[in-house]
Amino acid sequence: LHAARGSIVDRNGVPLAYTADAKDIVADPTMVPVGDRLEYATLLSPL
C-alpha cells in the first residue's frame, strides 16, 4: 500500500509541490489484433 508523498507549500500555504491521482497506460500486445496494430498506434500517438 503506497503512501502518498506530502506537499511543499510557501509561507502563505500556497501549494508548490503536491501529489495527485494519475494513470499509466499499458497494453497487452497479445490481445491486440495483428491487423489493427497500426491503427491502434495512430489513435494513441497524440494522446
PDB file of all heavy atoms in Angstrom:
ATOM      1  N   LEU A   1       0.870  -1.177   0.000  1.00  0.00           N
ATOM      2  CA  LEU A   1       0.000   0.000   0.000  1.00  0.00           C
ATOM      3  C   LEU A   1       0.908   1.229   0.000  1.00  0.00           C
ATOM      4  O   LEU A   1       1.598   1.503   0.992  1.00  0.00           O
ATOM      5  CB  LEU A   1      -0.898   0.011   1.240  1.00  0.00           C
ATOM      6  CG  LEU A   1      -1.844  -1.186   1.409  1.00  0.00           C
ATOM      7  CD1 LEU A   1      -2.600  -1.084   2.721  1.00  0.00           C
ATOM      8  CD2 LEU A   1      -2.809  -1.267   0.230  1.00  0.00           C
ATOM      9  N   HIS A   2       0.949   1.928  -1.103  1.00  0.00           N
ATOM     10  CA  HIS A   2       1.892   3.041  -1.239  1.00  0.00           C
ATOM     11  C   HIS A   2       1.398   4.295  -0.505  1.00  0.00           C
ATOM     12  O   HIS A   2       0.240   4.679  -0.627  1.00  0.00           O
ATOM     13  CB  HIS A   2       2.124   3.364  -2.709  1.00  0.00           C
ATOM     14  CG  HIS A   2       2.819   2.265  -3.453  1.00  0.00           C
ATOM     15  ND1 HIS A   2       4.146   1.968  -3.264  1.00  0.00           N
ATOM     16  CD2 HIS A   2       2.363   1.374  -4.377  1.00  0.00           C
ATOM     17  CE1 HIS A   2       4.493   0.964  -4.038  1.00  0.00           C
ATOM     18  NE2 HIS A   2       3.423   0.579  -4.718  1.00  0.00           N
ATOM     19  N   ALA A   3       2.307   4.906   0.240  1.00  0.00           N
ATOM     20  CA  ALA A   3       1.990   6.157   0.924  1.00  0.00           C
ATOM     21  C   ALA A   3       1.998   7.309  -0.075  1.00  0.00           C
ATOM     22  O   ALA A   3       2.784   7.315  -1.027  1.00  0.00           O
ATOM     23  CB  ALA A   3       3.019   6.420   2.021  1.00  0.00           C
ATOM     24  N   ALA A   4       1.109   8.272   0.132  1.00  0.00           N
ATOM     25  CA  ALA A   4       1.087   9.469  -0.720  1.00  0.00           C
ATOM     26  C   ALA A   4       2.171  10.433  -0.248  1.00  0.00           C
ATOM     27  O   ALA A   4       2.314  10.690   0.953  1.00  0.00           O
ATOM     28  CB  ALA A   4      -0.278  10.138  -0.655  1.00  0.00           C
ATOM     29  N   ARG A   5       2.960  10.951  -1.188  1.00  0.00           N
ATOM     30  CA  ARG A   5       4.021  11.894  -0.842  1.00  0.00           C
ATOM     31  C   ARG A   5       3.397  13.204  -0.361  1.00  0.00           C
ATOM     32  O   ARG A   5       2.396  13.676  -0.897  1.00  0.00           O
ATOM     33  CB  ARG A   5       4.924  12.137  -2.045  1.00  0.00           C
ATOM     34  CG  ARG A   5       6.213  12.896  -1.710  1.00  0.00           C
ATOM     35  CD  ARG A   5       7.156  12.944  -2.889  1.00  0.00           C
ATOM     36  NE  ARG A   5       8.388  13.653  -2.579  1.00  0.00           N
ATOM     37  CZ  ARG A   5       9.453  13.115  -2.006  1.00  0.00           C
ATOM     38  NH1 ARG A   5       9.427  11.831  -1.678  1.00  0.00           N
ATOM     39  NH2 ARG A   5      10.541  13.820  -1.755  1.00  0.00           N
ATOM     40  N   GLY A   6       3.995  13.788   0.666  1.00  0.00           N
ATOM     41  CA  GLY A   6       3.474  15.013   1.245  1.00  0.00           C
ATOM     42  C   GLY A   6       3.686  16.229   0.354  1.00  0.00           C
ATOM     43  O   GLY A   6       4.363  16.176  -0.673  1.00  0.00           O
ATOM     44  N   SER A   7       3.124  17.346   0.774  1.00  0.00           N
ATOM     45  CA  SER A   7       3.152  18.583  -0.010  1.00  0.00           C
ATOM     46  C   SER A   7       4.244  19.531   0.483  1.00  0.00           C
ATOM     47  O   SER A   7       4.692  19.460   1.630  1.00  0.00           O
ATOM     48  CB  SER A   7       1.800  19.296   0.069  1.00  0.00           C
ATOM     49  OG  SER A   7       0.767  18.494  -0.451  1.00  0.00           O
ATOM     50  N   ILE A   8       4.646  20.429  -0.411  1.00  0.00           N
ATOM     51  CA  ILE A   8       5.518  21.550  -0.072  1.00  0.00           C
ATOM     52  C   ILE A   8       4.720  22.814  -0.356  1.00  0.00           C
ATOM     53  O   ILE A   8       4.164  22.964  -1.448  1.00  0.00           O
ATOM     54  CB  ILE A   8       6.816  21.535  -0.896  1.00  0.00           C
ATOM     55  CG1 ILE A   8       7.580  20.227  -0.663  1.00  0.00           C
ATOM     56  CG2 ILE A   8       7.695  22.731  -0.543  1.00  0.00           C
ATOM     57  CD1 ILE A   8       8.794  20.056  -1.575  1.00  0.00           C
ATOM     58  N   VAL A   9       4.630  23.711   0.620  1.00  0.00           N
ATOM     59  CA  VAL A   9       3.848  24.945   0.448  1.00  0.00           C
ATOM     60  C   VAL A   9       4.714  26.147   0.786  1.00  0.00           C
ATOM     61  O   VAL A   9       5.746  26.023   1.457  1.00  0.00           O
ATOM     62  CB  VAL A   9       2.580  24.925   1.328  1.00  0.00           C
ATOM     63  CG1 VAL A   9       1.687  23.732   0.979  1.00  0.00           C
ATOM     64  CG2 VAL A   9       2.937  24.894   2.815  1.00  0.00           C
ATOM     65  N   ASP A  10       4.295  27.333   0.319  1.00  0.00           N
ATOM     66  CA  ASP A  10       5.042  28.548   0.634  1.00  0.00           C
ATOM     67  C   ASP A  10       4.599  29.078   2.002  1.00  0.00           C
ATOM     68  O   ASP A  10       3.796  28.457   2.701  1.00  0.00           O
ATOM     69  CB  ASP A  10       4.917  29.580  -0.484  1.00  0.00           C
ATOM     70  CG  ASP A  10       3.668  30.441  -0.393  1.00  0.00           C
ATOM     71  OD1 ASP A  10       2.699  30.043   0.303  1.00  0.00           O
ATOM     72  OD2 ASP A  10       3.633  31.514  -1.023  1.00  0.00           O
ATOM     73  N   ARG A  11       5.107  30.228   2.402  1.00  0.00           N
ATOM     74  CA  ARG A  11       4.842  30.757   3.740  1.00  0.00           C
ATOM     75  C   ARG A  11       3.357  31.033   3.967  1.00  0.00           C
ATOM     76  O   ARG A  11       2.877  31.047   5.098  1.00  0.00           O
ATOM     77  CB  ARG A  11       5.670  32.019   3.982  1.00  0.00           C
ATOM     78  CG  ARG A  11       5.299  33.205   3.149  1.00  0.00           C
ATOM     79  CD  ARG A  11       6.276  34.369   3.327  1.00  0.00           C
ATOM     80  NE  ARG A  11       6.336  34.859   4.688  1.00  0.00           N
ATOM     81  CZ  ARG A  11       7.375  34.720   5.513  1.00  0.00           C
ATOM     82  NH1 ARG A  11       8.470  34.104   5.096  1.00  0.00           N
ATOM     83  NH2 ARG A  11       7.344  35.204   6.736  1.00  0.00           N
ATOM     84  N   ASN A  12       2.603  31.238   2.884  1.00  0.00           N
ATOM     85  CA  ASN A  12       1.174  31.516   2.985  1.00  0.00           C
ATOM     86  C   ASN A  12       0.304  30.292   2.738  1.00  0.00           C
ATOM     87  O   ASN A  12      -0.922  30.414   2.640  1.00  0.00           O
ATOM     88  CB  ASN A  12       0.800  32.623   2.002  1.00  0.00           C
ATOM     89  CG  ASN A  12       1.566  33.913   2.260  1.00  0.00           C
ATOM     90  OD1 ASN A  12       1.612  34.398   3.393  1.00  0.00           O
ATOM     91  ND2 ASN A  12       2.196  34.454   1.223  1.00  0.00           N
ATOM     92  N   GLY A  13       0.932  29.127   2.607  1.00  0.00           N
ATOM     93  CA  GLY A  13       0.174  27.904   2.378  1.00  0.00           C
ATOM     94  C   GLY A  13      -0.125  27.609   0.925  1.00  0.00           C
ATOM     95  O   GLY A  13      -0.862  26.670   0.623  1.00  0.00           O
ATOM     96  N   VAL A  14       0.431  28.381   0.004  1.00  0.00           N
ATOM     97  CA  VAL A  14       0.216  28.144  -1.428  1.00  0.00           C
ATOM     98  C   VAL A  14       0.982  26.893  -1.849  1.00  0.00           C
ATOM     99  O   VAL A  14       2.194  26.794  -1.608  1.00  0.00           O
ATOM    100  CB  VAL A  14       0.688  29.357  -2.266  1.00  0.00           C
ATOM    101  CG1 VAL A  14       0.530  29.080  -3.756  1.00  0.00           C
ATOM    102  CG2 VAL A  14      -0.079  30.612  -1.866  1.00  0.00           C
ATOM    103  N   PRO A  15       0.304  25.912  -2.478  1.00  0.00           N
ATOM    104  CA  PRO A  15       0.997  24.669  -2.856  1.00  0.00           C
ATOM    105  C   PRO A  15       2.098  24.918  -3.886  1.00  0.00           C
ATOM    106  O   PRO A  15       1.877  25.549  -4.912  1.00  0.00           O
ATOM    107  CB  PRO A  15      -0.127  23.812  -3.463  1.00  0.00           C
ATOM    108  CG  PRO A  15      -1.392  24.391  -2.933  1.00  0.00           C
ATOM    109  CD  PRO A  15      -1.134  25.862  -2.793  1.00  0.00           C
ATOM    110  N   LEU A  16       3.262  24.390  -3.592  1.00  0.00           N
ATOM    111  CA  LEU A  16       4.397  24.455  -4.512  1.00  0.00           C
ATOM    112  C   LEU A  16       4.682  23.089  -5.133  1.00  0.00           C
ATOM    113  O   LEU A  16       5.191  23.008  -6.246  1.00  0.00           O
ATOM    114  CB  LEU A  16       5.641  24.964  -3.783  1.00  0.00           C
ATOM    115  CG  LEU A  16       5.524  26.328  -3.098  1.00  0.00           C
ATOM    116  CD1 LEU A  16       6.794  26.639  -2.320  1.00  0.00           C
ATOM    117  CD2 LEU A  16       5.229  27.425  -4.105  1.00  0.00           C
ATOM    118  N   ALA A  17       4.364  22.036  -4.405  1.00  0.00           N
ATOM    119  CA  ALA A  17       4.524  20.659  -4.902  1.00  0.00           C
ATOM    120  C   ALA A  17       3.534  19.777  -4.165  1.00  0.00           C
ATOM    121  O   ALA A  17       3.400  19.882  -2.949  1.00  0.00           O
ATOM    122  CB  ALA A  17       5.953  20.163  -4.671  1.00  0.00           C
ATOM    123  N   TYR A  18       2.823  18.940  -4.898  1.00  0.00           N
ATOM    124  CA  TYR A  18       1.882  18.010  -4.270  1.00  0.00           C
ATOM    125  C   TYR A  18       1.672  16.810  -5.174  1.00  0.00           C
ATOM    126  O   TYR A  18       2.040  16.825  -6.350  1.00  0.00           O
ATOM    127  CB  TYR A  18       0.542  18.693  -3.969  1.00  0.00           C
ATOM    128  CG  TYR A  18      -0.227  19.151  -5.189  1.00  0.00           C
ATOM    129  CD1 TYR A  18      -1.207  18.350  -5.767  1.00  0.00           C
ATOM    130  CD2 TYR A  18       0.015  20.399  -5.759  1.00  0.00           C
ATOM    131  CE1 TYR A  18      -1.916  18.774  -6.884  1.00  0.00           C
ATOM    132  CE2 TYR A  18      -0.683  20.828  -6.869  1.00  0.00           C
ATOM    133  CZ  TYR A  18      -1.653  20.016  -7.425  1.00  0.00           C
ATOM    134  OH  TYR A  18      -2.352  20.432  -8.537  1.00  0.00           O
ATOM    135  N   THR A  19       1.085  15.760  -4.604  1.00  0.00           N
ATOM    136  CA  THR A  19       0.850  14.526  -5.334  1.00  0.00           C
ATOM    137  C   THR A  19      -0.629  14.395  -5.653  1.00  0.00           C
ATOM    138  O   THR A  19      -1.485  14.641  -4.799  1.00  0.00           O
ATOM    139  CB  THR A  19       1.323  13.320  -4.507  1.00  0.00           C
ATOM    140  OG1 THR A  19       2.741  13.427  -4.315  1.00  0.00           O
ATOM    141  CG2 THR A  19       1.033  12.011  -5.220  1.00  0.00           C
ATOM    142  N   ALA A  20      -0.932  14.008  -6.879  1.00  0.00           N
ATOM    143  CA  ALA A  20      -2.321  13.862  -7.316  1.00  0.00           C
ATOM    144  C   ALA A  20      -2.505  12.510  -8.000  1.00  0.00           C
ATOM    145  O   ALA A  20      -1.542  11.865  -8.425  1.00  0.00           O
ATOM    146  CB  ALA A  20      -2.695  14.989  -8.282  1.00  0.00           C
ATOM    147  N   ASP A  21      -3.777  12.077  -8.080  1.00  0.00           N
ATOM    148  CA  ASP A  21      -4.089  10.824  -8.771  1.00  0.00           C
ATOM    149  C   ASP A  21      -3.701  10.913 -10.248  1.00  0.00           C
ATOM    150  O   ASP A  21      -3.825  11.977 -10.874  1.00  0.00           O
ATOM    151  CB  ASP A  21      -5.580  10.503  -8.663  1.00  0.00           C
ATOM    152  CG  ASP A  21      -5.983  10.141  -7.245  1.00  0.00           C
ATOM    153  OD1 ASP A  21      -5.107   9.717  -6.475  1.00  0.00           O
ATOM    154  OD2 ASP A  21      -7.177  10.305  -6.904  1.00  0.00           O
ATOM    155  N   ALA A  22      -3.247   9.811 -10.790  1.00  0.00           N
ATOM    156  CA  ALA A  22      -2.878   9.754 -12.207  1.00  0.00           C
ATOM    157  C   ALA A  22      -3.056   8.319 -12.691  1.00  0.00           C
ATOM    158  O   ALA A  22      -3.399   7.427 -11.902  1.00  0.00           O
ATOM    159  CB  ALA A  22      -1.436  10.220 -12.398  1.00  0.00           C
ATOM    160  N   LYS A  23      -2.828   8.111 -13.973  1.00  0.00           N
ATOM    161  CA  LYS A  23      -2.965   6.771 -14.530  1.00  0.00           C
ATOM    162  C   LYS A  23      -1.848   6.500 -15.540  1.00  0.00           C
ATOM    163  O   LYS A  23      -1.479   7.376 -16.318  1.00  0.00           O
ATOM    164  CB  LYS A  23      -4.322   6.591 -15.193  1.00  0.00           C
ATOM    165  CG  LYS A  23      -5.484   6.567 -14.204  1.00  0.00           C
ATOM    166  CD  LYS A  23      -6.776   6.120 -14.846  1.00  0.00           C
ATOM    167  CE  LYS A  23      -7.885   5.972 -13.804  1.00  0.00           C
ATOM    168  NZ  LYS A  23      -9.150   5.475 -14.404  1.00  0.00           N
ATOM    169  N   ASP A  24      -1.330   5.265 -15.478  1.00  0.00           N
ATOM    170  CA  ASP A  24      -0.415   4.777 -16.506  1.00  0.00           C
ATOM    171  C   ASP A  24      -1.245   4.083 -17.584  1.00  0.00           C
ATOM    172  O   ASP A  24      -2.262   3.449 -17.288  1.00  0.00           O
ATOM    173  CB  ASP A  24       0.583   3.779 -15.929  1.00  0.00           C
ATOM    174  CG  ASP A  24       1.574   4.420 -14.970  1.00  0.00           C
ATOM    175  OD1 ASP A  24       1.733   5.658 -15.023  1.00  0.00           O
ATOM    176  OD2 ASP A  24       2.172   3.676 -14.166  1.00  0.00           O
ATOM    177  N   ILE A  25      -0.803   4.181 -18.832  1.00  0.00           N
ATOM    178  CA  ILE A  25      -1.468   3.478 -19.939  1.00  0.00           C
ATOM    179  C   ILE A  25      -0.589   2.309 -20.340  1.00  0.00           C
ATOM    180  O   ILE A  25       0.586   2.487 -20.672  1.00  0.00           O
ATOM    181  CB  ILE A  25      -1.702   4.416 -21.136  1.00  0.00           C
ATOM    182  CG1 ILE A  25      -2.501   5.650 -20.706  1.00  0.00           C
ATOM    183  CG2 ILE A  25      -2.409   3.670 -22.261  1.00  0.00           C
ATOM    184  CD1 ILE A  25      -3.860   5.326 -20.105  1.00  0.00           C
ATOM    185  N   VAL A  26      -1.164   1.106 -20.253  1.00  0.00           N
ATOM    186  CA  VAL A  26      -0.407  -0.107 -20.559  1.00  0.00           C
ATOM    187  C   VAL A  26      -1.159  -0.916 -21.618  1.00  0.00           C
ATOM    188  O   VAL A  26      -2.359  -0.718 -21.841  1.00  0.00           O
ATOM    189  CB  VAL A  26      -0.187  -0.966 -19.304  1.00  0.00           C
ATOM    190  CG1 VAL A  26       0.592  -0.187 -18.255  1.00  0.00           C
ATOM    191  CG2 VAL A  26      -1.508  -1.445 -18.734  1.00  0.00           C
ATOM    192  N   ALA A  27      -0.430  -1.833 -22.264  1.00  0.00           N
ATOM    193  CA  ALA A  27      -1.032  -2.693 -23.286  1.00  0.00           C
ATOM    194  C   ALA A  27      -0.623  -4.136 -23.048  1.00  0.00           C
ATOM    195  O   ALA A  27       0.477  -4.410 -22.523  1.00  0.00           O
ATOM    196  CB  ALA A  27      -0.593  -2.257 -24.678  1.00  0.00           C
ATOM    197  N   ASP A  28      -1.513  -5.044 -23.410  1.00  0.00           N
ATOM    198  CA  ASP A  28      -1.181  -6.466 -23.525  1.00  0.00           C
ATOM    199  C   ASP A  28      -1.109  -6.741 -25.024  1.00  0.00           C
ATOM    200  O   ASP A  28      -2.137  -6.948 -25.681  1.00  0.00           O
ATOM    201  CB  ASP A  28      -2.248  -7.327 -22.869  1.00  0.00           C
ATOM    202  CG  ASP A  28      -1.923  -8.819 -22.953  1.00  0.00           C
ATOM    203  OD1 ASP A  28      -1.020  -9.186 -23.738  1.00  0.00           O
ATOM    204  OD2 ASP A  28      -2.573  -9.612 -22.263  1.00  0.00           O
ATOM    205  N   PRO A  29       0.082  -6.677 -25.617  1.00  0.00           N
ATOM    206  CA  PRO A  29       0.218  -6.806 -27.072  1.00  0.00           C
ATOM    207  C   PRO A  29      -0.406  -8.082 -27.641  1.00  0.00           C
ATOM    208  O   PRO A  29      -0.840  -8.102 -28.798  1.00  0.00           O
ATOM    209  CB  PRO A  29       1.730  -6.774 -27.301  1.00  0.00           C
ATOM    210  CG  PRO A  29       2.264  -6.012 -26.134  1.00  0.00           C
ATOM    211  CD  PRO A  29       1.393  -6.423 -24.986  1.00  0.00           C
ATOM    212  N   THR A  30      -0.470  -9.139 -26.816  1.00  0.00           N
ATOM    213  CA  THR A  30      -1.030 -10.402 -27.340  1.00  0.00           C
ATOM    214  C   THR A  30      -2.532 -10.300 -27.573  1.00  0.00           C
ATOM    215  O   THR A  30      -3.113 -11.143 -28.264  1.00  0.00           O
ATOM    216  CB  THR A  30      -0.739 -11.564 -26.376  1.00  0.00           C
ATOM    217  OG1 THR A  30      -1.432 -11.344 -25.137  1.00  0.00           O
ATOM    218  CG2 THR A  30       0.756 -11.680 -26.105  1.00  0.00           C
ATOM    219  N   MET A  31      -3.166  -9.283 -26.991  1.00  0.00           N
ATOM    220  CA  MET A  31      -4.608  -9.101 -27.161  1.00  0.00           C
ATOM    221  C   MET A  31      -4.954  -8.176 -28.322  1.00  0.00           C
ATOM    222  O   MET A  31      -6.124  -8.011 -28.672  1.00  0.00           O
ATOM    223  CB  MET A  31      -5.231  -8.554 -25.871  1.00  0.00           C
ATOM    224  CG  MET A  31      -5.156  -9.486 -24.676  1.00  0.00           C
ATOM    225  SD  MET A  31      -5.827  -8.740 -23.160  1.00  0.00           S
ATOM    226  CE  MET A  31      -7.546  -8.497 -23.652  1.00  0.00           C
ATOM    227  N   VAL A  32      -3.919  -7.526 -28.896  1.00  0.00           N
ATOM    228  CA  VAL A  32      -4.151  -6.571 -29.981  1.00  0.00           C
ATOM    229  C   VAL A  32      -4.134  -7.328 -31.314  1.00  0.00           C
ATOM    230  O   VAL A  32      -3.127  -7.973 -31.651  1.00  0.00           O
ATOM    231  CB  VAL A  32      -3.065  -5.474 -29.994  1.00  0.00           C
ATOM    232  CG1 VAL A  32      -3.296  -4.509 -31.155  1.00  0.00           C
ATOM    233  CG2 VAL A  32      -3.053  -4.722 -28.658  1.00  0.00           C
ATOM    234  N   PRO A  33      -5.210  -7.247 -32.082  1.00  0.00           N
ATOM    235  CA  PRO A  33      -5.232  -7.924 -33.391  1.00  0.00           C
ATOM    236  C   PRO A  33      -4.082  -7.458 -34.273  1.00  0.00           C
ATOM    237  O   PRO A  33      -3.818  -6.249 -34.362  1.00  0.00           O
ATOM    238  CB  PRO A  33      -6.581  -7.528 -33.972  1.00  0.00           C
ATOM    239  CG  PRO A  33      -7.427  -7.202 -32.783  1.00  0.00           C
ATOM    240  CD  PRO A  33      -6.505  -6.597 -31.785  1.00  0.00           C
ATOM    241  N   VAL A  34      -3.399  -8.414 -34.885  1.00  0.00           N
ATOM    242  CA  VAL A  34      -2.230  -8.074 -35.700  1.00  0.00           C
ATOM    243  C   VAL A  34      -2.568  -7.030 -36.759  1.00  0.00           C
ATOM    244  O   VAL A  34      -1.823  -6.063 -36.976  1.00  0.00           O
ATOM    245  CB  VAL A  34      -1.655  -9.347 -36.366  1.00  0.00           C
ATOM    246  CG1 VAL A  34      -0.514  -8.985 -37.315  1.00  0.00           C
ATOM    247  CG2 VAL A  34      -1.181 -10.332 -35.306  1.00  0.00           C
ATOM    248  N   GLY A  35      -3.718  -7.162 -37.387  1.00  0.00           N
ATOM    249  CA  GLY A  35      -4.067  -6.238 -38.460  1.00  0.00           C
ATOM    250  C   GLY A  35      -4.446  -4.857 -37.990  1.00  0.00           C
ATOM    251  O   GLY A  35      -4.560  -3.923 -38.796  1.00  0.00           O
ATOM    252  N   ASP A  36      -4.650  -4.686 -36.654  1.00  0.00           N
ATOM    253  CA  ASP A  36      -5.074  -3.385 -36.126  1.00  0.00           C
ATOM    254  C   ASP A  36      -3.942  -2.615 -35.440  1.00  0.00           C
ATOM    255  O   ASP A  36      -4.175  -1.518 -34.916  1.00  0.00           O
ATOM    256  CB  ASP A  36      -6.211  -3.578 -35.118  1.00  0.00           C
ATOM    257  CG  ASP A  36      -7.482  -4.088 -35.769  1.00  0.00           C
ATOM    258  OD1 ASP A  36      -7.628  -3.887 -36.990  1.00  0.00           O
ATOM    259  OD2 ASP A  36      -8.323  -4.676 -35.052  1.00  0.00           O
ATOM    260  N   ARG A  37      -2.738  -3.167 -35.401  1.00  0.00           N
ATOM    261  CA  ARG A  37      -1.659  -2.532 -34.641  1.00  0.00           C
ATOM    262  C   ARG A  37      -1.377  -1.107 -35.114  1.00  0.00           C
ATOM    263  O   ARG A  37      -1.201  -0.181 -34.309  1.00  0.00           O
ATOM    264  CB  ARG A  37      -0.396  -3.384 -34.733  1.00  0.00           C
ATOM    265  CG  ARG A  37      -0.467  -4.683 -33.946  1.00  0.00           C
ATOM    266  CD  ARG A  37       0.722  -5.572 -34.259  1.00  0.00           C
ATOM    267  NE  ARG A  37       0.677  -6.816 -33.486  1.00  0.00           N
ATOM    268  CZ  ARG A  37       1.430  -7.869 -33.757  1.00  0.00           C
ATOM    269  NH1 ARG A  37       2.302  -7.833 -34.780  1.00  0.00           N
ATOM    270  NH2 ARG A  37       1.330  -8.962 -33.022  1.00  0.00           N
ATOM    271  N   LEU A  38      -1.320  -0.899 -36.412  1.00  0.00           N
ATOM    272  CA  LEU A  38      -1.002   0.420 -36.934  1.00  0.00           C
ATOM    273  C   LEU A  38      -2.109   1.414 -36.612  1.00  0.00           C
ATOM    274  O   LEU A  38      -1.843   2.575 -36.255  1.00  0.00           O
ATOM    275  CB  LEU A  38      -0.761   0.352 -38.453  1.00  0.00           C
ATOM    276  CG  LEU A  38      -0.273   1.660 -39.102  1.00  0.00           C
ATOM    277  CD1 LEU A  38       1.020   2.133 -38.445  1.00  0.00           C
ATOM    278  CD2 LEU A  38      -0.073   1.472 -40.600  1.00  0.00           C
ATOM    279  N   GLU A  39      -3.358   0.969 -36.705  1.00  0.00           N
ATOM    280  CA  GLU A  39      -4.471   1.868 -36.399  1.00  0.00           C
ATOM    281  C   GLU A  39      -4.485   2.192 -34.899  1.00  0.00           C
ATOM    282  O   GLU A  39      -4.763   3.335 -34.514  1.00  0.00           O
ATOM    283  CB  GLU A  39      -5.790   1.226 -36.828  1.00  0.00           C
ATOM    284  CG  GLU A  39      -5.952   1.143 -38.348  1.00  0.00           C
ATOM    285  CD  GLU A  39      -7.353   0.680 -38.741  1.00  0.00           C
ATOM    286  OE1 GLU A  39      -8.288   1.488 -38.589  1.00  0.00           O
ATOM    287  OE2 GLU A  39      -7.482  -0.481 -39.160  1.00  0.00           O
ATOM    288  N   TYR A  40      -4.184   1.209 -34.041  1.00  0.00           N
ATOM    289  CA  TYR A  40      -4.059   1.469 -32.612  1.00  0.00           C
ATOM    290  C   TYR A  40      -3.010   2.570 -32.381  1.00  0.00           C
ATOM    291  O   TYR A  40      -3.235   3.533 -31.642  1.00  0.00           O
ATOM    292  CB  TYR A  40      -3.594   0.190 -31.896  1.00  0.00           C
ATOM    293  CG  TYR A  40      -4.664  -0.717 -31.376  1.00  0.00           C
ATOM    294  CD1 TYR A  40      -5.716  -1.119 -32.192  1.00  0.00           C
ATOM    295  CD2 TYR A  40      -4.621  -1.203 -30.079  1.00  0.00           C
ATOM    296  CE1 TYR A  40      -6.683  -1.990 -31.725  1.00  0.00           C
ATOM    297  CE2 TYR A  40      -5.589  -2.078 -29.598  1.00  0.00           C
ATOM    298  CZ  TYR A  40      -6.621  -2.467 -30.438  1.00  0.00           C
ATOM    299  OH  TYR A  40      -7.578  -3.321 -29.969  1.00  0.00           O
ATOM    300  N   ALA A  41      -1.857   2.371 -32.991  1.00  0.00           N
ATOM    301  CA  ALA A  41      -0.747   3.307 -32.800  1.00  0.00           C
ATOM    302  C   ALA A  41      -1.118   4.704 -33.273  1.00  0.00           C
ATOM    303  O   ALA A  41      -0.765   5.713 -32.640  1.00  0.00           O
ATOM    304  CB  ALA A  41       0.492   2.808 -33.532  1.00  0.00           C
ATOM    305  N   THR A  42      -1.837   4.806 -34.376  1.00  0.00           N
ATOM    306  CA  THR A  42      -2.247   6.106 -34.910  1.00  0.00           C
ATOM    307  C   THR A  42      -3.201   6.811 -33.955  1.00  0.00           C
ATOM    308  O   THR A  42      -3.093   8.031 -33.733  1.00  0.00           O
ATOM    309  CB  THR A  42      -2.907   5.922 -36.287  1.00  0.00           C
ATOM    310  OG1 THR A  42      -1.994   5.258 -37.158  1.00  0.00           O
ATOM    311  CG2 THR A  42      -3.295   7.266 -36.888  1.00  0.00           C
ATOM    312  N   LEU A  43      -4.116   6.064 -33.359  1.00  0.00           N
ATOM    313  CA  LEU A  43      -5.060   6.654 -32.416  1.00  0.00           C
ATOM    314  C   LEU A  43      -4.381   7.066 -31.114  1.00  0.00           C
ATOM    315  O   LEU A  43      -4.689   8.118 -30.521  1.00  0.00           O
ATOM    316  CB  LEU A  43      -6.178   5.650 -32.112  1.00  0.00           C
ATOM    317  CG  LEU A  43      -7.176   5.353 -33.239  1.00  0.00           C
ATOM    318  CD1 LEU A  43      -8.063   4.171 -32.845  1.00  0.00           C
ATOM    319  CD2 LEU A  43      -8.033   6.577 -33.536  1.00  0.00           C
ATOM    320  N   LEU A  44      -3.441   6.265 -30.645  1.00  0.00           N
ATOM    321  CA  LEU A  44      -2.804   6.505 -29.353  1.00  0.00           C
ATOM    322  C   LEU A  44      -1.713   7.577 -29.392  1.00  0.00           C
ATOM    323  O   LEU A  44      -1.483   8.279 -28.399  1.00  0.00           O
ATOM    324  CB  LEU A  44      -2.203   5.199 -28.832  1.00  0.00           C
ATOM    325  CG  LEU A  44      -3.198   4.118 -28.391  1.00  0.00           C
ATOM    326  CD1 LEU A  44      -2.483   2.788 -28.226  1.00  0.00           C
ATOM    327  CD2 LEU A  44      -3.877   4.525 -27.091  1.00  0.00           C
ATOM    328  N   SER A  45      -1.064   7.715 -30.515  1.00  0.00           N
ATOM    329  CA  SER A  45       0.119   8.576 -30.621  1.00  0.00           C
ATOM    330  C   SER A  45      -0.080   9.985 -30.061  1.00  0.00           C
ATOM    331  O   SER A  45       0.691  10.431 -29.191  1.00  0.00           O
ATOM    332  CB  SER A  45       0.599   8.638 -32.073  1.00  0.00           C
ATOM    333  OG  SER A  45       1.668   9.548 -32.200  1.00  0.00           O
ATOM    334  N   PRO A  46      -1.089  10.752 -30.501  1.00  0.00           N
ATOM    335  CA  PRO A  46      -1.210  12.118 -29.986  1.00  0.00           C
ATOM    336  C   PRO A  46      -1.589  12.186 -28.506  1.00  0.00           C
ATOM    337  O   PRO A  46      -1.382  13.213 -27.871  1.00  0.00           O
ATOM    338  CB  PRO A  46      -2.313  12.721 -30.870  1.00  0.00           C
ATOM    339  CG  PRO A  46      -3.112  11.556 -31.335  1.00  0.00           C
ATOM    340  CD  PRO A  46      -2.138  10.439 -31.492  1.00  0.00           C
ATOM    341  N   LEU A  47      -2.121  11.093 -27.956  1.00  0.00           N
ATOM    342  CA  LEU A  47      -2.586  11.112 -26.578  1.00  0.00           C
ATOM    343  C   LEU A  47      -1.521  10.664 -25.583  1.00  0.00           C
ATOM    344  O   LEU A  47      -1.577  11.032 -24.407  1.00  0.00           O
ATOM    345  CB  LEU A  47      -3.824  10.218 -26.429  1.00  0.00           C
ATOM    346  CG  LEU A  47      -5.035  10.624 -27.285  1.00  0.00           C
ATOM    347  CD1 LEU A  47      -6.178   9.650 -27.086  1.00  0.00           C
ATOM    348  CD2 LEU A  47      -5.485  12.047 -26.935  1.00  0.00           C
TER     349      LEU A  47
END
